[in-house]
Structure formats: C-alpha cells, structure tokens
Amino acid sequence: MPEEKTRELVQYFIDNVEAQTYENVYAKLNPDGRFIMIGKTPASGIFFNREDVFNRLAPLLANYKNRPAIAFSHVLVDGDQAFLRASGKGEGIYGVYEQPYYGYYFRVEGDGYAEIIEYLDTVQLEVALFGTKMTRLPEYE
C-alpha cells in the first residue's frame, strides 16, 4: 500500500474528528475492518465492522452532552500504518471529559481502514459518560 493513500486516509480521519463527524470515519471502516477502544468501560471493545460500530458503540457515545473537541499534534506514517497523537475536551452527562493524551493507531487496506485502535484515559470515559464513582484511599490524599 502506498504511503500516499495512508496519508490521505489519516487526513480524512483528522478532518472528520476535528469537525466532530465521526460517522464519516466509521463509514470508511472496511467491511472486514475493526475499531478497537481500549479498556473495560461500557464503550470499550472490539467492533468488527462499520455496522457493529453504528449498532453497539454509537448509542453509548450519546452520553456526551458536548462531543470532545479534539486537536491533533503529531502524525507518524509508515507505509500502510500510522499513529496520531491528540488531546481533547468535552462534556459527558456526568461531568467534564478531558483527554490530554489520545493516541490512534491505523492500518489501511484498499480504500479504507482495516484497523483503528483508540488509546485514551478510560477513567475519564467511565466518570464523565457512565457515572462511575471513584474514591481515593485516605493515604493518597
């Protein structure tokens, strides 16, 4: 796969995430592609194709009052793979959602994404979107 196509799809991802049109990104997932959200949150998991993303993940992300505004700072491309660094802030139904360090790994095949892995602070997701209560032990106060 020419690196040129990878760069094109990475730019498409950046443009749509910054515009908060995530649906366009998921629509470019190959029929046998997968999107992976790390962690053990209700939104975490392996989503096996675009329909799976729309059916299982999209309803959970409705817990955003304001989708995160994400800014990209670094892009590394190597052949059919890429890694992006980003940060973002939004608001879930249970509070502020702030991610100073997002990471996205891509693998491209043909005209779409074969694999996207999203790396993030899952505690932020748990608290802001799903209302998980966190308590710190007194000795760490």
N, C-alpha and C. Protein backbone atom coordinates (compact mmCIF):
# COMPACT_ATOMS: atom_id res chain seq x y z
N MET A 1 0.86 -1.18 0.00
CA MET A 1 0.00 0.00 0.00
C MET A 1 0.89 1.23 0.00
N PRO A 2 0.69 2.09 -0.95
CA PRO A 2 1.48 3.32 -0.96
C PRO A 2 1.19 4.20 0.26
N GLU A 3 2.25 4.79 0.76
CA GLU A 3 2.12 5.67 1.93
C GLU A 3 1.19 6.83 1.64
N GLU A 4 1.12 7.21 0.39
CA GLU A 4 0.26 8.33 -0.04
C GLU A 4 -1.21 8.08 0.34
N LYS A 5 -1.70 6.85 0.12
CA LYS A 5 -3.09 6.51 0.46
C LYS A 5 -3.28 6.55 1.98
N THR A 6 -2.28 6.08 2.72
CA THR A 6 -2.36 6.12 4.18
C THR A 6 -2.48 7.57 4.64
N ARG A 7 -1.65 8.43 4.09
CA ARG A 7 -1.70 9.86 4.47
C ARG A 7 -3.07 10.47 4.14
N GLU A 8 -3.61 10.09 3.01
CA GLU A 8 -4.93 10.60 2.60
C GLU A 8 -6.01 10.17 3.61
N LEU A 9 -5.99 8.91 4.01
CA LEU A 9 -6.99 8.42 4.97
C LEU A 9 -6.77 8.97 6.37
N VAL A 10 -5.52 9.21 6.74
CA VAL A 10 -5.23 9.83 8.03
C VAL A 10 -5.77 11.27 8.03
N GLN A 11 -5.55 11.99 6.95
CA GLN A 11 -6.06 13.36 6.87
C GLN A 11 -7.59 13.38 6.90
N TYR A 12 -8.20 12.41 6.24
CA TYR A 12 -9.67 12.28 6.27
C TYR A 12 -10.14 12.08 7.72
N PHE A 13 -9.43 11.23 8.46
CA PHE A 13 -9.75 10.99 9.86
C PHE A 13 -9.63 12.28 10.67
N ILE A 14 -8.50 12.97 10.53
CA ILE A 14 -8.27 14.21 11.26
C ILE A 14 -9.36 15.23 10.95
N ASP A 15 -9.63 15.43 9.67
CA ASP A 15 -10.64 16.42 9.27
C ASP A 15 -12.00 16.11 9.87
N ASN A 16 -12.40 14.86 9.85
CA ASN A 16 -13.72 14.49 10.36
C ASN A 16 -13.79 14.48 11.88
N VAL A 17 -12.74 14.08 12.55
CA VAL A 17 -12.75 14.12 14.01
C VAL A 17 -12.77 15.57 14.49
N GLU A 18 -11.97 16.43 13.86
CA GLU A 18 -11.99 17.85 14.24
C GLU A 18 -13.35 18.48 13.97
N ALA A 19 -14.04 18.02 12.92
CA ALA A 19 -15.38 18.53 12.59
C ALA A 19 -16.48 17.82 13.39
N GLN A 20 -16.08 16.83 14.19
CA GLN A 20 -16.98 16.02 15.01
C GLN A 20 -18.00 15.24 14.17
N THR A 21 -17.57 14.83 12.99
CA THR A 21 -18.40 13.99 12.11
C THR A 21 -17.81 12.58 12.11
N TYR A 22 -17.84 11.96 13.28
CA TYR A 22 -17.25 10.64 13.47
C TYR A 22 -17.91 9.58 12.58
N GLU A 23 -19.18 9.78 12.28
CA GLU A 23 -19.91 8.83 11.45
C GLU A 23 -19.21 8.64 10.10
N ASN A 24 -18.64 9.71 9.57
CA ASN A 24 -17.92 9.62 8.29
C ASN A 24 -16.70 8.72 8.42
N VAL A 25 -16.03 8.80 9.55
CA VAL A 25 -14.84 7.96 9.79
C VAL A 25 -15.27 6.50 9.85
N TYR A 26 -16.28 6.20 10.65
CA TYR A 26 -16.72 4.82 10.80
C TYR A 26 -17.20 4.25 9.46
N ALA A 27 -17.77 5.09 8.61
CA ALA A 27 -18.25 4.63 7.30
C ALA A 27 -17.09 4.20 6.40
N LYS A 28 -15.88 4.66 6.67
CA LYS A 28 -14.69 4.28 5.89
C LYS A 28 -14.02 3.02 6.42
N LEU A 29 -14.56 2.45 7.50
CA LEU A 29 -14.02 1.20 8.02
C LEU A 29 -14.35 0.10 7.00
N ASN A 30 -13.36 -0.68 6.62
CA ASN A 30 -13.58 -1.76 5.65
C ASN A 30 -14.63 -2.73 6.18
N PRO A 31 -15.35 -3.43 5.29
CA PRO A 31 -16.36 -4.40 5.74
C PRO A 31 -15.80 -5.44 6.72
N ASP A 32 -14.52 -5.80 6.56
CA ASP A 32 -13.90 -6.75 7.49
C ASP A 32 -12.94 -6.04 8.45
N GLY A 33 -13.03 -4.71 8.51
CA GLY A 33 -12.16 -3.93 9.39
C GLY A 33 -12.66 -3.96 10.83
N ARG A 34 -11.83 -3.40 11.72
CA ARG A 34 -12.25 -3.35 13.11
C ARG A 34 -11.77 -2.07 13.78
N PHE A 35 -12.62 -1.61 14.70
CA PHE A 35 -12.31 -0.46 15.53
C PHE A 35 -12.20 -0.98 16.96
N ILE A 36 -11.12 -0.61 17.64
CA ILE A 36 -10.89 -1.09 19.00
C ILE A 36 -10.77 0.10 19.94
N MET A 37 -11.59 0.09 20.98
CA MET A 37 -11.48 1.09 22.04
C MET A 37 -10.92 0.33 23.24
N ILE A 38 -9.76 0.78 23.73
CA ILE A 38 -9.10 0.05 24.81
C ILE A 38 -9.90 0.14 26.10
N GLY A 39 -9.58 -0.74 27.04
CA GLY A 39 -10.14 -0.65 28.38
C GLY A 39 -11.27 -1.62 28.65
N LYS A 40 -11.93 -1.36 29.77
CA LYS A 40 -13.02 -2.21 30.25
C LYS A 40 -14.29 -1.40 30.49
N THR A 41 -14.41 -0.24 29.86
CA THR A 41 -15.59 0.60 30.02
C THR A 41 -16.75 0.00 29.22
N PRO A 42 -17.98 0.50 29.43
CA PRO A 42 -19.09 0.03 28.60
C PRO A 42 -18.86 0.28 27.11
N ALA A 43 -18.06 1.30 26.77
CA ALA A 43 -17.78 1.61 25.36
C ALA A 43 -16.54 0.91 24.82
N SER A 44 -15.79 0.24 25.68
CA SER A 44 -14.58 -0.45 25.25
C SER A 44 -14.93 -1.74 24.53
N GLY A 45 -14.02 -2.15 23.65
CA GLY A 45 -14.23 -3.43 23.00
C GLY A 45 -13.72 -3.44 21.58
N ILE A 46 -13.96 -4.56 20.93
CA ILE A 46 -13.60 -4.71 19.52
C ILE A 46 -14.90 -4.67 18.74
N PHE A 47 -14.96 -3.75 17.80
CA PHE A 47 -16.13 -3.58 16.94
C PHE A 47 -15.69 -4.06 15.56
N PHE A 48 -16.38 -5.07 15.03
CA PHE A 48 -15.85 -5.85 13.91
C PHE A 48 -16.11 -5.30 12.52
N ASN A 49 -16.93 -4.31 12.38
CA ASN A 49 -17.15 -3.67 11.08
C ASN A 49 -17.96 -2.40 11.32
N ARG A 50 -18.22 -1.67 10.27
CA ARG A 50 -18.91 -0.38 10.45
C ARG A 50 -20.30 -0.55 11.07
N GLU A 51 -21.03 -1.59 10.67
CA GLU A 51 -22.36 -1.80 11.23
C GLU A 51 -22.29 -2.06 12.74
N ASP A 52 -21.29 -2.81 13.16
CA ASP A 52 -21.10 -3.10 14.58
C ASP A 52 -20.81 -1.80 15.35
N VAL A 53 -20.00 -0.93 14.77
CA VAL A 53 -19.71 0.37 15.40
C VAL A 53 -21.00 1.17 15.53
N PHE A 54 -21.78 1.26 14.46
CA PHE A 54 -23.01 2.04 14.49
C PHE A 54 -24.05 1.43 15.44
N ASN A 55 -24.11 0.12 15.51
CA ASN A 55 -25.12 -0.54 16.34
C ASN A 55 -24.76 -0.61 17.81
N ARG A 56 -23.50 -0.86 18.13
CA ARG A 56 -23.12 -1.06 19.54
C ARG A 56 -22.43 0.13 20.17
N LEU A 57 -21.51 0.80 19.45
CA LEU A 57 -20.74 1.89 20.05
C LEU A 57 -21.47 3.22 19.99
N ALA A 58 -22.00 3.57 18.85
CA ALA A 58 -22.62 4.89 18.67
C ALA A 58 -23.67 5.20 19.74
N PRO A 59 -24.56 4.28 20.11
CA PRO A 59 -25.55 4.61 21.16
C PRO A 59 -24.90 4.95 22.50
N LEU A 60 -23.79 4.33 22.83
CA LEU A 60 -23.10 4.62 24.10
C LEU A 60 -22.49 6.02 24.08
N LEU A 61 -22.05 6.45 22.91
CA LEU A 61 -21.42 7.77 22.82
C LEU A 61 -22.45 8.89 22.83
N ALA A 62 -23.72 8.53 22.86
CA ALA A 62 -24.78 9.52 23.02
C ALA A 62 -24.75 10.13 24.42
N ASN A 63 -23.93 9.58 25.31
CA ASN A 63 -23.80 10.12 26.67
C ASN A 63 -22.95 11.39 26.72
N TYR A 64 -22.50 11.86 25.58
CA TYR A 64 -21.82 13.16 25.54
C TYR A 64 -22.87 14.26 25.48
N LYS A 65 -22.75 15.27 26.36
CA LYS A 65 -23.54 16.49 26.22
C LYS A 65 -22.91 17.33 25.12
N ASN A 66 -21.58 17.37 25.15
CA ASN A 66 -20.79 18.05 24.11
C ASN A 66 -19.68 17.10 23.71
N ARG A 67 -19.67 16.70 22.44
CA ARG A 67 -18.61 15.82 21.98
C ARG A 67 -17.26 16.49 22.19
N PRO A 68 -16.22 15.71 22.43
CA PRO A 68 -14.92 16.34 22.66
C PRO A 68 -14.39 17.06 21.43
N ALA A 69 -13.86 18.25 21.68
CA ALA A 69 -13.13 18.97 20.63
C ALA A 69 -11.71 18.42 20.67
N ILE A 70 -11.30 17.77 19.60
CA ILE A 70 -10.01 17.08 19.57
C ILE A 70 -9.06 17.81 18.63
N ALA A 71 -7.83 18.00 19.11
CA ALA A 71 -6.78 18.64 18.30
C ALA A 71 -5.63 17.65 18.15
N PHE A 72 -5.10 17.56 16.96
CA PHE A 72 -4.00 16.63 16.66
C PHE A 72 -2.68 17.38 16.68
N SER A 73 -1.67 16.75 17.28
CA SER A 73 -0.37 17.41 17.40
C SER A 73 0.75 16.69 16.67
N HIS A 74 0.64 15.38 16.49
CA HIS A 74 1.71 14.62 15.84
C HIS A 74 1.10 13.53 14.95
N VAL A 75 1.70 13.34 13.79
CA VAL A 75 1.28 12.29 12.86
C VAL A 75 2.51 11.56 12.38
N LEU A 76 2.53 10.24 12.56
CA LEU A 76 3.62 9.40 12.07
C LEU A 76 3.03 8.40 11.09
N VAL A 77 3.57 8.35 9.88
CA VAL A 77 3.08 7.43 8.85
C VAL A 77 4.24 6.56 8.39
N ASP A 78 3.98 5.26 8.29
CA ASP A 78 4.97 4.31 7.79
C ASP A 78 4.25 3.28 6.94
N GLY A 79 4.31 3.44 5.63
CA GLY A 79 3.64 2.51 4.72
C GLY A 79 2.14 2.53 4.92
N ASP A 80 1.57 1.37 5.28
CA ASP A 80 0.12 1.27 5.45
C ASP A 80 -0.33 1.48 6.90
N GLN A 81 0.59 1.98 7.74
CA GLN A 81 0.28 2.20 9.16
C GLN A 81 0.52 3.65 9.55
N ALA A 82 -0.17 4.09 10.59
CA ALA A 82 0.02 5.45 11.09
C ALA A 82 -0.30 5.49 12.58
N PHE A 83 0.28 6.48 13.25
CA PHE A 83 -0.03 6.75 14.65
C PHE A 83 -0.24 8.24 14.80
N LEU A 84 -1.31 8.63 15.48
CA LEU A 84 -1.63 10.04 15.70
C LEU A 84 -1.68 10.31 17.19
N ARG A 85 -1.17 11.47 17.55
CA ARG A 85 -1.27 11.93 18.94
C ARG A 85 -2.22 13.11 18.96
N ALA A 86 -3.06 13.17 19.99
CA ALA A 86 -4.06 14.22 20.07
C ALA A 86 -4.43 14.50 21.51
N SER A 87 -5.23 15.54 21.70
CA SER A 87 -5.80 15.86 23.01
C SER A 87 -7.21 16.38 22.77
N GLY A 88 -8.04 16.31 23.82
CA GLY A 88 -9.40 16.77 23.63
C GLY A 88 -10.12 17.03 24.93
N LYS A 89 -11.22 17.76 24.81
CA LYS A 89 -12.04 18.08 25.97
C LYS A 89 -13.49 18.19 25.52
N GLY A 90 -14.37 17.60 26.31
CA GLY A 90 -15.79 17.67 26.04
C GLY A 90 -16.56 17.57 27.33
N GLU A 91 -17.84 17.20 27.23
CA GLU A 91 -18.64 17.07 28.44
C GLU A 91 -19.58 15.88 28.30
N GLY A 92 -19.50 14.99 29.27
CA GLY A 92 -20.42 13.86 29.33
C GLY A 92 -21.60 14.22 30.21
N ILE A 93 -22.57 13.34 30.27
CA ILE A 93 -23.76 13.64 31.08
C ILE A 93 -23.45 13.65 32.58
N TYR A 94 -22.27 13.12 32.97
CA TYR A 94 -21.89 13.11 34.38
C TYR A 94 -20.72 14.03 34.71
N GLY A 95 -20.26 14.81 33.73
CA GLY A 95 -19.18 15.73 34.03
C GLY A 95 -18.24 15.98 32.86
N VAL A 96 -17.21 16.75 33.15
CA VAL A 96 -16.23 17.13 32.13
C VAL A 96 -15.41 15.92 31.72
N TYR A 97 -15.13 15.85 30.44
CA TYR A 97 -14.35 14.77 29.85
C TYR A 97 -13.10 15.42 29.26
N GLU A 98 -11.94 15.08 29.83
CA GLU A 98 -10.70 15.72 29.36
C GLU A 98 -9.65 14.64 29.11
N GLN A 99 -9.12 14.67 27.91
CA GLN A 99 -8.11 13.71 27.48
C GLN A 99 -6.88 14.48 27.00
N PRO A 100 -5.87 14.63 27.83
CA PRO A 100 -4.67 15.33 27.36
C PRO A 100 -3.83 14.48 26.42
N TYR A 101 -4.03 13.16 26.43
CA TYR A 101 -3.21 12.27 25.59
C TYR A 101 -4.05 11.18 24.94
N TYR A 102 -4.52 11.46 23.75
CA TYR A 102 -5.15 10.43 22.92
C TYR A 102 -4.08 9.85 22.03
N GLY A 103 -4.26 8.62 21.63
CA GLY A 103 -3.43 8.02 20.60
C GLY A 103 -4.31 7.19 19.69
N TYR A 104 -4.02 7.23 18.42
CA TYR A 104 -4.76 6.43 17.44
C TYR A 104 -3.77 5.69 16.57
N TYR A 105 -3.94 4.38 16.47
CA TYR A 105 -3.14 3.56 15.57
C TYR A 105 -4.04 3.17 14.40
N PHE A 106 -3.49 3.25 13.19
CA PHE A 106 -4.24 2.89 11.98
C PHE A 106 -3.49 1.86 11.17
N ARG A 107 -4.26 1.01 10.53
CA ARG A 107 -3.73 0.17 9.46
C ARG A 107 -4.73 0.31 8.31
N VAL A 108 -4.20 0.61 7.14
CA VAL A 108 -5.02 0.90 5.97
C VAL A 108 -4.92 -0.26 4.98
N GLU A 109 -6.05 -0.61 4.39
CA GLU A 109 -6.09 -1.58 3.28
C GLU A 109 -7.06 -1.05 2.25
N GLY A 110 -6.66 -1.07 1.00
CA GLY A 110 -7.54 -0.61 -0.07
C GLY A 110 -7.93 0.84 0.13
N ASP A 111 -9.23 1.11 0.08
CA ASP A 111 -9.72 2.48 0.20
C ASP A 111 -10.26 2.81 1.59
N GLY A 112 -9.94 1.96 2.58
CA GLY A 112 -10.49 2.22 3.91
C GLY A 112 -9.58 1.77 5.03
N TYR A 113 -10.13 1.83 6.22
CA TYR A 113 -9.38 1.46 7.42
C TYR A 113 -9.57 -0.03 7.70
N ALA A 114 -8.46 -0.75 7.82
CA ALA A 114 -8.51 -2.16 8.21
C ALA A 114 -8.60 -2.26 9.73
N GLU A 115 -7.97 -1.30 10.40
CA GLU A 115 -7.94 -1.32 11.87
C GLU A 115 -7.69 0.08 12.40
N ILE A 116 -8.45 0.44 13.42
CA ILE A 116 -8.21 1.67 14.18
C ILE A 116 -8.24 1.27 15.65
N ILE A 117 -7.21 1.64 16.39
CA ILE A 117 -7.19 1.41 17.83
C ILE A 117 -7.11 2.77 18.51
N GLU A 118 -8.04 3.04 19.40
CA GLU A 118 -8.06 4.32 20.12
C GLU A 118 -7.52 4.09 21.53
N TYR A 119 -6.46 4.83 21.86
CA TYR A 119 -5.85 4.79 23.19
C TYR A 119 -6.25 6.05 23.93
N LEU A 120 -6.75 5.90 25.16
CA LEU A 120 -7.23 7.05 25.92
C LEU A 120 -7.25 6.71 27.40
N ASP A 121 -7.48 7.73 28.20
CA ASP A 121 -7.64 7.56 29.65
C ASP A 121 -9.06 7.07 29.89
N THR A 122 -9.21 5.78 30.12
CA THR A 122 -10.54 5.21 30.26
C THR A 122 -11.25 5.65 31.54
N VAL A 123 -10.51 6.12 32.53
CA VAL A 123 -11.15 6.63 33.75
C VAL A 123 -12.00 7.85 33.41
N GLN A 124 -11.48 8.72 32.53
CA GLN A 124 -12.26 9.89 32.10
C GLN A 124 -13.57 9.46 31.47
N LEU A 125 -13.51 8.44 30.64
CA LEU A 125 -14.70 7.91 29.98
C LEU A 125 -15.69 7.36 31.00
N GLU A 126 -15.20 6.55 31.93
CA GLU A 126 -16.04 5.95 32.97
C GLU A 126 -16.78 7.00 33.79
N VAL A 127 -16.05 8.02 34.22
CA VAL A 127 -16.63 9.03 35.12
C VAL A 127 -17.58 9.96 34.37
N ALA A 128 -17.14 10.54 33.26
CA ALA A 128 -17.92 11.57 32.57
C ALA A 128 -19.10 11.01 31.78
N LEU A 129 -18.94 9.83 31.19
CA LEU A 129 -20.01 9.30 30.35
C LEU A 129 -20.91 8.28 31.04
N PHE A 130 -20.34 7.54 31.99
CA PHE A 130 -21.10 6.44 32.58
C PHE A 130 -21.34 6.58 34.08
N GLY A 131 -20.88 7.69 34.67
CA GLY A 131 -21.19 7.99 36.07
C GLY A 131 -20.49 7.14 37.11
N THR A 132 -19.42 6.49 36.73
CA THR A 132 -18.67 5.68 37.69
C THR A 132 -18.11 6.59 38.78
N LYS A 133 -18.29 6.21 40.02
CA LYS A 133 -17.77 6.99 41.15
C LYS A 133 -16.40 6.45 41.53
N MET A 134 -15.46 7.34 41.70
CA MET A 134 -14.10 6.96 42.07
C MET A 134 -13.82 7.52 43.46
N THR A 135 -13.22 6.72 44.30
CA THR A 135 -12.80 7.21 45.61
C THR A 135 -11.33 6.90 45.79
N ARG A 136 -10.64 7.82 46.41
CA ARG A 136 -9.21 7.65 46.67
C ARG A 136 -9.03 7.27 48.13
N LEU A 137 -8.16 6.34 48.38
CA LEU A 137 -7.86 5.96 49.76
C LEU A 137 -7.22 7.15 50.48
N PRO A 138 -7.53 7.33 51.77
CA PRO A 138 -7.02 8.48 52.52
C PRO A 138 -5.50 8.64 52.47
N GLU A 139 -4.78 7.54 52.45
CA GLU A 139 -3.31 7.66 52.45
C GLU A 139 -2.76 8.28 51.16
N TYR A 140 -3.60 8.46 50.14
CA TYR A 140 -3.14 9.08 48.90
C TYR A 140 -3.67 10.50 48.72
N GLU A 141 -4.32 11.01 49.73
CA GLU A 141 -4.85 12.38 49.67
C GLU A 141 -3.74 13.38 49.83
